[in-house]
């Protein structure tokens, strides 16, 4: 008798749970339809839905441009090359400047290049040596065709080069730090 009572209670509990949850899908469908109407800007009070839709798109385009400009500010990066970039440190060949970031520890400038890691490393070794820089005591840290880190010093100036190769994009990302 106890088995039947337990089985009956489980069946009642199961049916109560399944019935109580059944209405949520209908609510979700209704909410999705409301959101679609809000996103397209269609208003069913006699306004022109095409005009309203175009107005919404224009508003969204303006806010997207503002948010793109704010992204660089949110990250703290300034687009382009900083004005105090050392004249005795060459810019990487075949590259574009992504931006820079100033801090109390120095300035960080990011680039993307189509050249390979070892080509960039050899270029900087040669050029910085010509300009009076010497590799620091730490020297090169595991430089390979996948990336690496090199630090130079000249009098009180310090310059660092950090590289990484993105094989999916076939691009070398490099960061030059100086202080």
Protein backbone atom coordinates (compact mmCIF):
# COMPACT_ATOMS: atom_id res chain seq x y z
CA UNK A 1 0.00 0.00 0.00
CA UNK A 2 2.86 2.38 0.80
CA UNK A 3 4.32 1.79 -2.67
CA UNK A 4 1.09 2.88 -4.35
CA UNK A 5 0.81 5.97 -2.17
CA UNK A 6 4.42 6.93 -2.94
CA UNK A 7 3.89 6.34 -6.66
CA UNK A 8 0.70 8.43 -6.59
CA UNK A 9 2.49 11.31 -4.81
CA UNK A 10 5.30 11.26 -7.38
CA UNK A 11 2.76 11.39 -10.23
CA UNK A 12 0.94 14.34 -8.63
CA UNK A 13 4.21 16.17 -8.04
CA UNK A 14 5.38 15.56 -11.62
CA UNK A 15 2.10 16.81 -13.10
CA UNK A 16 2.15 19.92 -10.90
CA UNK A 17 5.69 20.77 -11.98
CA UNK A 18 5.05 20.20 -15.68
CA UNK A 19 1.78 22.18 -15.63
CA UNK A 20 3.31 25.10 -13.74
CA UNK A 21 6.19 25.44 -16.20
CA UNK A 22 4.06 25.19 -19.35
CA UNK A 23 3.05 28.87 -19.50
CA UNK A 24 6.59 30.23 -19.58
CA UNK A 25 7.16 29.35 -23.23
CA UNK A 26 4.03 31.27 -24.20
CA UNK A 27 5.30 34.29 -22.24
CA UNK A 28 8.70 34.06 -23.92
CA UNK A 29 7.11 34.00 -27.39
CA UNK A 30 4.99 37.05 -26.53
CA UNK A 31 8.04 38.93 -25.20
CA UNK A 32 10.06 38.10 -28.33
CA UNK A 33 7.26 39.48 -30.52
CA UNK A 34 7.15 42.67 -28.43
CA UNK A 35 10.94 43.06 -28.70
CA UNK A 36 10.82 42.60 -32.47
CA UNK A 37 8.25 45.38 -32.72
CA UNK A 38 10.35 47.66 -30.50
CA UNK A 39 13.55 46.99 -32.47
CA UNK A 40 11.96 47.76 -35.82
CA UNK A 41 10.33 50.84 -34.38
CA UNK A 42 6.91 49.91 -35.71
CA UNK A 43 4.17 51.70 -33.85
CA UNK A 44 0.59 50.67 -34.47
CA UNK A 45 -0.97 54.03 -33.51
CA UNK A 46 -1.33 55.30 -37.06
CA UNK A 47 2.32 56.35 -37.51
CA UNK A 48 4.18 55.39 -40.66
CA UNK A 49 6.08 52.17 -39.76
CA UNK A 50 8.65 52.68 -42.53
CA UNK A 51 9.51 56.20 -41.35
CA UNK A 52 9.63 55.09 -37.73
CA UNK A 53 11.90 52.15 -38.63
CA UNK A 54 14.31 54.43 -40.51
CA UNK A 55 14.44 56.84 -37.58
CA UNK A 56 15.33 54.00 -35.19
CA UNK A 57 18.10 52.81 -37.51
CA UNK A 58 19.56 56.33 -37.71
CA UNK A 59 19.49 56.63 -33.92
CA UNK A 60 21.20 53.25 -33.56
CA UNK A 61 23.88 54.18 -36.11
CA UNK A 62 24.71 57.34 -34.15
CA UNK A 63 24.96 55.48 -30.87
CA UNK A 64 27.15 52.78 -32.46
CA UNK A 65 29.61 55.41 -33.69
CA UNK A 66 29.75 56.90 -30.22
CA UNK A 67 30.29 53.50 -28.63
CA UNK A 68 33.12 52.72 -31.09
CA UNK A 69 34.85 55.96 -30.14
CA UNK A 70 34.33 55.19 -26.47
CA UNK A 71 35.85 51.71 -26.82
CA UNK A 72 39.30 53.16 -27.32
CA UNK A 73 38.71 55.41 -24.33
CA UNK A 74 37.43 52.52 -22.22
CA UNK A 75 40.63 50.61 -22.95
CA UNK A 76 42.70 53.70 -22.29
CA UNK A 77 44.42 53.48 -25.67
CA UNK A 78 45.00 56.53 -27.81
CA UNK A 79 44.78 55.85 -31.56
CA UNK A 80 47.93 56.36 -33.60
CA UNK A 81 51.58 56.93 -32.73
CA UNK A 82 52.31 59.04 -29.63
CA UNK A 83 54.05 62.38 -30.18
CA UNK A 84 56.91 61.44 -27.83
CA UNK A 85 57.82 58.21 -29.68
CA UNK A 86 61.66 58.02 -29.65
CA UNK A 87 63.19 59.16 -32.92
CA UNK A 88 66.03 56.63 -32.54
CA UNK A 89 63.58 53.68 -32.42
CA UNK A 90 62.43 52.71 -35.92
CA UNK A 91 58.84 51.87 -36.74
CA UNK A 92 58.25 48.28 -37.83
CA UNK A 93 58.14 47.78 -41.60
CA UNK A 94 54.90 46.67 -43.28
CA UNK A 95 52.87 47.50 -40.19
CA UNK A 96 50.06 49.63 -38.91
CA UNK A 97 49.91 51.40 -35.56
CA UNK A 98 46.94 50.29 -33.45
CA UNK A 99 47.40 52.72 -30.58
CA UNK A 100 49.30 53.65 -27.47
CA UNK A 101 48.86 53.70 -23.73
CA UNK A 102 50.72 55.94 -21.28
CA UNK A 103 51.37 54.89 -17.70
CA UNK A 104 53.75 55.66 -14.87
CA UNK A 105 55.90 52.74 -16.06
CA UNK A 106 56.30 54.17 -19.56
CA UNK A 107 54.50 54.14 -22.88
CA UNK A 108 53.22 51.09 -24.72
CA UNK A 109 52.63 51.22 -28.49
CA UNK A 110 50.93 48.35 -30.33
CA UNK A 111 51.42 47.42 -33.98
CA UNK A 112 50.36 44.71 -36.42
CA UNK A 113 52.75 43.62 -39.16
CA UNK A 114 52.65 41.31 -42.14
CA UNK A 115 56.31 40.40 -41.55
CA UNK A 116 57.38 37.28 -39.67
CA UNK A 117 58.58 37.41 -36.06
CA UNK A 118 62.23 36.58 -36.76
CA UNK A 119 62.43 39.15 -39.58
CA UNK A 120 61.16 41.84 -37.20
CA UNK A 121 63.54 40.73 -34.44
CA UNK A 122 66.55 40.83 -36.78
CA UNK A 123 65.51 44.26 -38.08
CA UNK A 124 65.31 45.70 -34.55
CA UNK A 125 68.55 44.07 -33.39
CA UNK A 126 70.38 45.67 -36.29
CA UNK A 127 68.72 49.10 -36.17
CA UNK A 128 68.79 49.59 -32.40
CA UNK A 129 72.45 48.54 -32.24
CA UNK A 130 73.22 51.13 -34.95
CA UNK A 131 71.43 53.74 -32.82
CA UNK A 132 73.51 52.98 -29.72
CA UNK A 133 71.24 50.58 -27.85
CA UNK A 134 72.52 47.43 -26.15
CA UNK A 135 70.57 44.33 -25.18
CA UNK A 136 69.97 44.31 -21.40
CA UNK A 137 71.22 41.67 -18.96
CA UNK A 138 67.92 39.83 -19.30
CA UNK A 139 68.48 39.93 -23.06
CA UNK A 140 66.25 37.88 -25.26
CA UNK A 141 63.54 35.76 -23.72
CA UNK A 142 62.76 32.71 -25.79
CA UNK A 143 62.63 34.35 -29.19
CA UNK A 144 61.25 31.98 -31.82
CA UNK A 145 59.13 32.14 -34.94
CA UNK A 146 56.06 32.26 -32.63
CA UNK A 147 57.15 35.30 -30.62
CA UNK A 148 59.44 36.55 -27.93
CA UNK A 149 60.65 39.42 -25.80
CA UNK A 150 63.78 41.58 -26.09
CA UNK A 151 64.87 44.56 -23.97
CA UNK A 152 67.42 47.24 -24.87
CA UNK A 153 68.98 50.08 -22.94
CA UNK A 154 70.74 53.29 -24.02
CA UNK A 155 71.93 55.60 -21.25
CA UNK A 156 68.75 56.05 -19.17
CA UNK A 157 66.36 55.00 -21.95
CA UNK A 158 64.77 51.56 -21.94
CA UNK A 159 63.05 49.99 -24.94
CA UNK A 160 61.25 46.66 -25.00
CA UNK A 161 59.92 44.63 -27.89
CA UNK A 162 57.30 41.93 -27.37
CA UNK A 163 56.08 39.89 -30.34
CA UNK A 164 53.51 37.20 -31.01
CA UNK A 165 52.47 35.52 -34.25
CA UNK A 166 48.78 34.85 -34.97
CA UNK A 167 48.80 31.92 -37.39
CA UNK A 168 45.06 32.22 -38.10
CA UNK A 169 45.38 35.81 -39.32
CA UNK A 170 48.98 35.41 -40.53
CA UNK A 171 49.87 38.61 -38.67
CA UNK A 172 52.57 39.44 -36.15
CA UNK A 173 51.42 41.56 -33.23
CA UNK A 174 54.15 43.60 -31.64
CA UNK A 175 54.33 45.92 -28.70
CA UNK A 176 57.09 48.47 -28.21
CA UNK A 177 57.51 49.86 -24.70
CA UNK A 178 59.73 52.76 -23.80
CA UNK A 179 60.55 54.98 -20.84
